[in-house]
Amino acid sequence: MYQPQRSASALGAKQATLPKFSRHALALSLVLAFLSLARPTRAGAEDALAFVQQQHQRIEQVLREPASSARDAQVRQLLGAFVDYDQLTRRSFGEPCPASQPTCEDLWAGYSSDQRTEVRDLLEQLVRKKYEQSLVKTLDYDVTYRGSRDAGSETRVLTEAKNRVKVREPAVRVDYIVMQTPQGYRVVDIVSEGSSLTKNYYDQFRKKMHDPNEGFANIVQKLREKIAKKE
């Protein structure tokens, strides 16, 4: 059966007579859609905070067990799922450069594949050693999570550690720079009392690279000495 087409004016007239509640519902749905698009950044920050908190609890639980090779292996595994040593190493050698260093240079770009592998493995051992020592020392601390802040592709998770035995000691502020990676969230830098771990390493490595008496070989030697040092 033939059905005549409605004119554009007729359609417009019908839309204009939509009930008020329909127009309001449409407007509300648009607002909710916008909010749902805006939400991932905040949700991502909250997820990053939850990641740091959960990983800390797991590592702390293992560290409270009696010392053994099995415990050490488990801590190593947990830290590998917490810290992105590849990203941390790159940052320590100026890729990307620290934001506070306008004259920074990319040392990493000048290294061969073998050199990169060597310093990456050494820096992982050193960071793991230092961080594990720090965690053992703070087992008697109360850690408070102060929230998180979005910073582009990164999230800064804010924490404070307070000694529950020596209550007069000031709280220690430690922030974790977290990124989303193909393996999930990972820490790519640690900022203690405002001091960035990767920037500190970068400053040391850059100084050695520009000293004609030191250079890459000396960086490797110093890393090995720090790893072997008994503390």
C-alpha atoms as a PDB file:
ATOM      1  CA  MET A   1       0.000   0.000   0.000  1.00  0.00           C
ATOM      2  CA  TYR A   2       1.258   3.444  -0.938  1.00  0.00           C
ATOM      3  CA  GLN A   3       2.359   5.596   2.021  1.00  0.00           C
ATOM      4  CA  PRO A   4       3.006   9.266   1.332  1.00  0.00           C
ATOM      5  CA  GLN A   5       6.382  10.619   2.547  1.00  0.00           C
ATOM      6  CA  ARG A   6       6.308  13.174   5.314  1.00  0.00           C
ATOM      7  CA  SER A   7       7.706  16.550   4.588  1.00  0.00           C
ATOM      8  CA  ALA A   8      10.711  17.923   6.466  1.00  0.00           C
ATOM      9  CA  SER A   9       8.514  20.601   7.976  1.00  0.00           C
ATOM     10  CA  ALA A  10       6.111  17.986   9.263  1.00  0.00           C
ATOM     11  CA  LEU A  11       8.984  16.030  10.868  1.00  0.00           C
ATOM     12  CA  GLY A  12      10.337  19.190  12.429  1.00  0.00           C
ATOM     13  CA  ALA A  13       6.921  20.013  13.800  1.00  0.00           C
ATOM     14  CA  LYS A  14       6.643  16.586  15.351  1.00  0.00           C
ATOM     15  CA  GLN A  15      10.108  16.872  16.995  1.00  0.00           C
ATOM     16  CA  ALA A  16       9.149  20.272  18.331  1.00  0.00           C
ATOM     17  CA  THR A  17       6.146  18.747  20.064  1.00  0.00           C
ATOM     18  CA  LEU A  18       8.154  16.067  21.898  1.00  0.00           C
ATOM     19  CA  PRO A  19       7.066  15.839  25.523  1.00  0.00           C
ATOM     20  CA  LYS A  20       9.251  17.796  27.938  1.00  0.00           C
ATOM     21  CA  PHE A  21      10.310  14.707  29.845  1.00  0.00           C
ATOM     22  CA  SER A  22      11.659  13.172  26.600  1.00  0.00           C
ATOM     23  CA  ARG A  23      13.791  16.228  25.876  1.00  0.00           C
ATOM     24  CA  HIS A  24      15.030  16.272  29.453  1.00  0.00           C
ATOM     25  CA  ALA A  25      15.846  12.564  29.297  1.00  0.00           C
ATOM     26  CA  LEU A  26      17.824  13.143  26.099  1.00  0.00           C
ATOM     27  CA  ALA A  27      19.776  16.002  27.672  1.00  0.00           C
ATOM     28  CA  LEU A  28      20.500  13.898  30.764  1.00  0.00           C
ATOM     29  CA  SER A  29      21.708  10.991  28.652  1.00  0.00           C
ATOM     30  CA  LEU A  30      24.125  13.320  26.835  1.00  0.00           C
ATOM     31  CA  VAL A  31      25.509  14.608  30.142  1.00  0.00           C
ATOM     32  CA  LEU A  32      25.960  11.066  31.460  1.00  0.00           C
ATOM     33  CA  ALA A  33      27.676  10.035  28.241  1.00  0.00           C
ATOM     34  CA  PHE A  34      30.108  12.954  28.609  1.00  0.00           C
ATOM     35  CA  LEU A  35      30.841  12.042  32.217  1.00  0.00           C
ATOM     36  CA  SER A  36      31.454   8.426  31.292  1.00  0.00           C
ATOM     37  CA  LEU A  37      34.058   9.607  28.783  1.00  0.00           C
ATOM     38  CA  ALA A  38      35.709  11.865  31.357  1.00  0.00           C
ATOM     39  CA  ARG A  39      35.766   9.209  34.070  1.00  0.00           C
ATOM     40  CA  PRO A  40      38.661   6.918  32.963  1.00  0.00           C
ATOM     41  CA  THR A  41      41.353   9.445  33.965  1.00  0.00           C
ATOM     42  CA  ARG A  42      40.129   9.562  37.540  1.00  0.00           C
ATOM     43  CA  ALA A  43      39.385   5.857  37.621  1.00  0.00           C
ATOM     44  CA  GLY A  44      42.870   5.222  36.249  1.00  0.00           C
ATOM     45  CA  ALA A  45      44.402   7.252  39.084  1.00  0.00           C
ATOM     46  CA  GLU A  46      42.369   5.325  41.635  1.00  0.00           C
ATOM     47  CA  ASP A  47      43.394   2.037  40.019  1.00  0.00           C
ATOM     48  CA  ALA A  48      47.059   3.077  40.155  1.00  0.00           C
ATOM     49  CA  LEU A  49      46.729   3.880  43.866  1.00  0.00           C
ATOM     50  CA  ALA A  50      45.063   0.502  44.495  1.00  0.00           C
ATOM     51  CA  PHE A  51      47.890  -1.187  42.564  1.00  0.00           C
ATOM     52  CA  VAL A  52      50.605   0.390  44.752  1.00  0.00           C
ATOM     53  CA  GLN A  53      48.711  -0.412  47.945  1.00  0.00           C
ATOM     54  CA  GLN A  54      48.061  -4.039  47.022  1.00  0.00           C
ATOM     55  CA  GLN A  55      51.627  -4.672  45.868  1.00  0.00           C
ATOM     56  CA  HIS A  56      53.030  -3.131  49.044  1.00  0.00           C
ATOM     57  CA  GLN A  57      50.849  -5.358  51.189  1.00  0.00           C
ATOM     58  CA  ARG A  58      51.937  -8.469  49.301  1.00  0.00           C
ATOM     59  CA  ILE A  59      55.633  -7.617  49.507  1.00  0.00           C
ATOM     60  CA  GLU A  60      55.398  -6.651  53.186  1.00  0.00           C
ATOM     61  CA  GLN A  61      53.644  -9.914  53.998  1.00  0.00           C
ATOM     62  CA  VAL A  62      56.450 -11.919  52.400  1.00  0.00           C
ATOM     63  CA  LEU A  63      59.190  -9.832  54.061  1.00  0.00           C
ATOM     64  CA  ARG A  64      57.740 -10.662  57.487  1.00  0.00           C
ATOM     65  CA  GLU A  65      58.505 -14.322  56.886  1.00  0.00           C
ATOM     66  CA  PRO A  66      61.828 -15.798  58.131  1.00  0.00           C
ATOM     67  CA  ALA A  67      64.746 -15.045  55.828  1.00  0.00           C
ATOM     68  CA  SER A  68      65.386 -17.751  53.235  1.00  0.00           C
ATOM     69  CA  SER A  69      66.331 -18.157  49.605  1.00  0.00           C
ATOM     70  CA  ALA A  70      62.692 -18.980  48.815  1.00  0.00           C
ATOM     71  CA  ARG A  71      61.536 -15.755  50.453  1.00  0.00           C
ATOM     72  CA  ASP A  72      64.148 -13.733  48.539  1.00  0.00           C
ATOM     73  CA  ALA A  73      63.028 -15.301  45.248  1.00  0.00           C
ATOM     74  CA  GLN A  74      59.408 -14.456  46.015  1.00  0.00           C
ATOM     75  CA  VAL A  75      60.270 -10.840  46.847  1.00  0.00           C
ATOM     76  CA  ARG A  76      62.242 -10.598  43.610  1.00  0.00           C
ATOM     77  CA  GLN A  77      59.243 -11.861  41.686  1.00  0.00           C
ATOM     78  CA  LEU A  78      56.860  -9.441  43.399  1.00  0.00           C
ATOM     79  CA  LEU A  79      59.153  -6.477  42.788  1.00  0.00           C
ATOM     80  CA  GLY A  80      59.387  -7.488  39.126  1.00  0.00           C
ATOM     81  CA  ALA A  81      55.606  -7.154  38.954  1.00  0.00           C
ATOM     82  CA  PHE A  82      55.783  -3.786  40.739  1.00  0.00           C
ATOM     83  CA  VAL A  83      58.646  -1.903  39.076  1.00  0.00           C
ATOM     84  CA  ASP A  84      59.241  -1.498  35.347  1.00  0.00           C
ATOM     85  CA  TYR A  85      63.038  -1.752  35.354  1.00  0.00           C
ATOM     86  CA  ASP A  86      63.259  -1.097  31.613  1.00  0.00           C
ATOM     87  CA  GLN A  87      61.495   2.269  31.885  1.00  0.00           C
ATOM     88  CA  LEU A  88      63.307   3.161  35.097  1.00  0.00           C
ATOM     89  CA  THR A  89      66.693   2.493  33.470  1.00  0.00           C
ATOM     90  CA  ARG A  90      65.868   4.541  30.384  1.00  0.00           C
ATOM     91  CA  ARG A  91      64.810   7.478  32.535  1.00  0.00           C
ATOM     92  CA  SER A  92      67.991   7.185  34.574  1.00  0.00           C
ATOM     93  CA  PHE A  93      69.967   7.650  31.355  1.00  0.00           C
ATOM     94  CA  GLY A  94      67.892  10.556  30.024  1.00  0.00           C
ATOM     95  CA  GLU A  95      65.161   8.903  27.963  1.00  0.00           C
ATOM     96  CA  PRO A  96      62.976  10.780  28.493  1.00  0.00           C
ATOM     97  CA  CYS A  97      64.944  13.594  30.070  1.00  0.00           C
ATOM     98  CA  PRO A  98      63.894  14.835  33.513  1.00  0.00           C
ATOM     99  CA  ALA A  99      61.462  17.742  33.076  1.00  0.00           C
ATOM    100  CA  SER A 100      63.553  19.884  35.434  1.00  0.00           C
ATOM    101  CA  GLN A 101      66.659  19.503  33.234  1.00  0.00           C
ATOM    102  CA  PRO A 102      66.361  21.916  30.256  1.00  0.00           C
ATOM    103  CA  THR A 103      69.894  21.055  29.096  1.00  0.00           C
ATOM    104  CA  CYS A 104      69.420  17.317  29.526  1.00  0.00           C
ATOM    105  CA  GLU A 105      70.881  14.940  26.955  1.00  0.00           C
ATOM    106  CA  ASP A 106      69.775  11.439  26.033  1.00  0.00           C
ATOM    107  CA  LEU A 107      72.669   9.254  27.183  1.00  0.00           C
ATOM    108  CA  TRP A 108      70.662   6.108  26.461  1.00  0.00           C
ATOM    109  CA  ALA A 109      70.559   6.831  22.713  1.00  0.00           C
ATOM    110  CA  GLY A 110      74.355   6.665  22.548  1.00  0.00           C
ATOM    111  CA  TYR A 111      74.666   3.161  23.982  1.00  0.00           C
ATOM    112  CA  SER A 112      74.896  -0.066  22.032  1.00  0.00           C
ATOM    113  CA  SER A 113      72.436  -2.914  22.582  1.00  0.00           C
ATOM    114  CA  ASP A 114      74.978  -4.788  24.727  1.00  0.00           C
ATOM    115  CA  GLN A 115      75.710  -1.712  26.833  1.00  0.00           C
ATOM    116  CA  ARG A 116      71.999  -1.118  27.405  1.00  0.00           C
ATOM    117  CA  THR A 117      71.474  -4.703  28.516  1.00  0.00           C
ATOM    118  CA  GLU A 118      74.444  -4.516  30.888  1.00  0.00           C
ATOM    119  CA  VAL A 119      73.435  -1.321  32.695  1.00  0.00           C
ATOM    120  CA  ARG A 120      69.772  -2.335  32.744  1.00  0.00           C
ATOM    121  CA  ASP A 121      70.566  -5.610  34.540  1.00  0.00           C
ATOM    122  CA  LEU A 122      72.912  -3.882  36.977  1.00  0.00           C
ATOM    123  CA  LEU A 123      70.465  -1.100  37.765  1.00  0.00           C
ATOM    124  CA  GLU A 124      67.695  -3.638  38.373  1.00  0.00           C
ATOM    125  CA  GLN A 125      69.881  -5.433  40.919  1.00  0.00           C
ATOM    126  CA  LEU A 126      70.796  -2.178  42.657  1.00  0.00           C
ATOM    127  CA  VAL A 127      67.265  -0.751  42.777  1.00  0.00           C
ATOM    128  CA  ARG A 128      65.863  -4.062  43.979  1.00  0.00           C
ATOM    129  CA  LYS A 129      68.499  -4.268  46.722  1.00  0.00           C
ATOM    130  CA  LYS A 130      67.956  -0.675  47.891  1.00  0.00           C
ATOM    131  CA  TYR A 131      64.182  -0.889  47.773  1.00  0.00           C
ATOM    132  CA  GLU A 132      64.052  -4.188  49.637  1.00  0.00           C
ATOM    133  CA  GLN A 133      66.320  -2.730  52.348  1.00  0.00           C
ATOM    134  CA  SER A 134      64.039   0.285  52.601  1.00  0.00           C
ATOM    135  CA  LEU A 135      60.944  -1.902  52.915  1.00  0.00           C
ATOM    136  CA  VAL A 136      62.547  -3.993  55.662  1.00  0.00           C
ATOM    137  CA  LYS A 137      63.412  -0.836  57.612  1.00  0.00           C
ATOM    138  CA  THR A 138      59.842   0.452  57.377  1.00  0.00           C
ATOM    139  CA  LEU A 139      58.048  -2.713  58.492  1.00  0.00           C
ATOM    140  CA  ASP A 140      57.391  -0.913  61.786  1.00  0.00           C
ATOM    141  CA  TYR A 141      55.950   2.118  59.991  1.00  0.00           C
ATOM    142  CA  ASP A 142      52.332   2.997  59.378  1.00  0.00           C
ATOM    143  CA  VAL A 143      51.896   3.825  55.707  1.00  0.00           C
ATOM    144  CA  THR A 144      49.155   6.267  54.767  1.00  0.00           C
ATOM    145  CA  TYR A 145      47.997   6.624  51.169  1.00  0.00           C
ATOM    146  CA  ARG A 146      47.352  10.305  50.454  1.00  0.00           C
ATOM    147  CA  GLY A 147      45.635   9.879  47.117  1.00  0.00           C
ATOM    148  CA  SER A 148      46.838  10.172  43.541  1.00  0.00           C
ATOM    149  CA  ARG A 149      47.292  12.794  40.849  1.00  0.00           C
ATOM    150  CA  ASP A 150      47.028  12.430  37.101  1.00  0.00           C
ATOM    151  CA  ALA A 151      50.010  13.732  35.136  1.00  0.00           C
ATOM    152  CA  GLY A 152      49.500  13.029  31.448  1.00  0.00           C
ATOM    153  CA  SER A 153      50.223   9.373  30.798  1.00  0.00           C
ATOM    154  CA  GLU A 154      51.462   8.930  34.379  1.00  0.00           C
ATOM    155  CA  THR A 155      49.886   8.876  37.816  1.00  0.00           C
ATOM    156  CA  ARG A 156      51.601  10.055  40.989  1.00  0.00           C
ATOM    157  CA  VAL A 157      50.581   8.001  44.022  1.00  0.00           C
ATOM    158  CA  LEU A 158      51.233   9.858  47.288  1.00  0.00           C
ATOM    159  CA  THR A 159      52.207   8.039  50.481  1.00  0.00           C
ATOM    160  CA  GLU A 160      53.525   8.849  53.949  1.00  0.00           C
ATOM    161  CA  ALA A 161      55.297   6.490  56.318  1.00  0.00           C
ATOM    162  CA  LYS A 162      55.250   7.187  60.059  1.00  0.00           C
ATOM    163  CA  ASN A 163      57.367   5.285  62.580  1.00  0.00           C
ATOM    164  CA  ARG A 164      54.937   3.792  65.077  1.00  0.00           C
ATOM    165  CA  VAL A 165      57.733   3.146  67.601  1.00  0.00           C
ATOM    166  CA  LYS A 166      59.634   6.447  67.376  1.00  0.00           C
ATOM    167  CA  VAL A 167      56.579   8.655  67.244  1.00  0.00           C
ATOM    168  CA  ARG A 168      58.604  11.876  67.404  1.00  0.00           C
ATOM    169  CA  GLU A 169      60.201  11.173  64.043  1.00  0.00           C
ATOM    170  CA  PRO A 170      58.637  13.123  61.178  1.00  0.00           C
ATOM    171  CA  ALA A 171      56.697  11.186  58.554  1.00  0.00           C
ATOM    172  CA  VAL A 172      58.596  10.194  55.426  1.00  0.00           C
ATOM    173  CA  ARG A 173      56.981  11.219  52.136  1.00  0.00           C
ATOM    174  CA  VAL A 174      57.367   8.752  49.251  1.00  0.00           C
ATOM    175  CA  ASP A 175      55.565   9.139  45.922  1.00  0.00           C
ATOM    176  CA  TYR A 176      55.346   6.526  43.197  1.00  0.00           C
ATOM    177  CA  ILE A 177      55.193   7.435  39.505  1.00  0.00           C
ATOM    178  CA  VAL A 178      52.967   4.802  37.903  1.00  0.00           C
ATOM    179  CA  MET A 179      52.323   4.084  34.228  1.00  0.00           C
ATOM    180  CA  GLN A 180      50.013   1.720  32.408  1.00  0.00           C
ATOM    181  CA  THR A 181      52.114  -0.800  30.431  1.00  0.00           C
ATOM    182  CA  PRO A 182      51.235  -3.856  28.314  1.00  0.00           C
ATOM    183  CA  GLN A 183      51.793  -5.882  31.490  1.00  0.00           C
ATOM    184  CA  GLY A 184      49.546  -3.630  33.591  1.00  0.00           C
ATOM    185  CA  TYR A 185      50.445  -0.864  36.036  1.00  0.00           C
ATOM    186  CA  ARG A 186      54.123  -0.502  36.879  1.00  0.00           C
ATOM    187  CA  VAL A 187      56.229   1.970  38.881  1.00  0.00           C
ATOM    188  CA  VAL A 188      58.703   3.876  36.674  1.00  0.00           C
ATOM    189  CA  ASP A 189      60.131   6.266  39.271  1.00  0.00           C
ATOM    190  CA  ILE A 190      60.171   6.768  43.044  1.00  0.00           C
ATOM    191  CA  VAL A 191      60.235  10.258  44.572  1.00  0.00           C
ATOM    192  CA  SER A 192      61.420  10.344  48.187  1.00  0.00           C
ATOM    193  CA  GLU A 193      61.022  13.635  50.042  1.00  0.00           C
ATOM    194  CA  GLY A 194      60.807  15.421  46.698  1.00  0.00           C
ATOM    195  CA  SER A 195      63.900  13.746  45.269  1.00  0.00           C
ATOM    196  CA  SER A 196      63.442  11.637  42.116  1.00  0.00           C
ATOM    197  CA  LEU A 197      65.354   8.348  42.009  1.00  0.00           C
ATOM    198  CA  THR A 198      65.811   8.410  38.232  1.00  0.00           C
ATOM    199  CA  LYS A 199      66.895  12.070  38.209  1.00  0.00           C
ATOM    200  CA  ASN A 200      69.490  11.389  40.913  1.00  0.00           C
ATOM    201  CA  TYR A 201      70.895   8.513  38.874  1.00  0.00           C
ATOM    202  CA  TYR A 202      70.815  10.616  35.716  1.00  0.00           C
ATOM    203  CA  ASP A 203      72.795  13.411  37.379  1.00  0.00           C
ATOM    204  CA  GLN A 204      75.455  10.910  38.499  1.00  0.00           C
ATOM    205  CA  PHE A 205      75.659   9.097  35.160  1.00  0.00           C
ATOM    206  CA  ARG A 206      75.831  12.307  33.124  1.00  0.00           C
ATOM    207  CA  LYS A 207      78.656  13.636  35.263  1.00  0.00           C
ATOM    208  CA  LYS A 208      80.649  10.447  34.779  1.00  0.00           C
ATOM    209  CA  MET A 209      80.024  10.369  31.017  1.00  0.00           C
ATOM    210  CA  HIS A 210      81.498  13.868  30.659  1.00  0.00           C
ATOM    211  CA  ASP A 211      84.556  13.106  32.792  1.00  0.00           C
ATOM    212  CA  PRO A 212      87.352  11.969  30.432  1.00  0.00           C
ATOM    213  CA  ASN A 213      88.743   9.790  33.217  1.00  0.00           C
ATOM    214  CA  GLU A 214      85.491   7.907  33.785  1.00  0.00           C
ATOM    215  CA  GLY A 215      82.812   7.282  31.144  1.00  0.00           C
ATOM    216  CA  PHE A 216      80.674   4.180  30.586  1.00  0.00           C
ATOM    217  CA  ALA A 217      83.189   1.682  32.018  1.00  0.00           C
ATOM    218  CA  ASN A 218      83.309   3.613  35.280  1.00  0.00           C
ATOM    219  CA  ILE A 219      79.493   3.683  35.508  1.00  0.00           C
ATOM    220  CA  VAL A 220      79.439  -0.105  35.223  1.00  0.00           C
ATOM    221  CA  GLN A 221      82.195  -0.453  37.830  1.00  0.00           C
ATOM    222  CA  LYS A 222      80.412   1.844  40.318  1.00  0.00           C
ATOM    223  CA  LEU A 223      77.124  -0.008  39.886  1.00  0.00           C
ATOM    224  CA  ARG A 224      78.838  -3.341  40.557  1.00  0.00           C
ATOM    225  CA  GLU A 225      80.520  -1.918  43.671  1.00  0.00           C
ATOM    226  CA  LYS A 226      77.208  -0.605  45.038  1.00  0.00           C
ATOM    227  CA  ILE A 227      75.527  -3.961  44.457  1.00  0.00           C
ATOM    228  CA  ALA A 228      78.322  -5.850  46.206  1.00  0.00           C
ATOM    229  CA  LYS A 229      78.583  -3.414  49.133  1.00  0.00           C
ATOM    230  CA  LYS A 230      77.454  -4.845  52.480  1.00  0.00           C
ATOM    231  CA  GLU A 231      75.118  -2.506  54.336  1.00  0.00           C
END
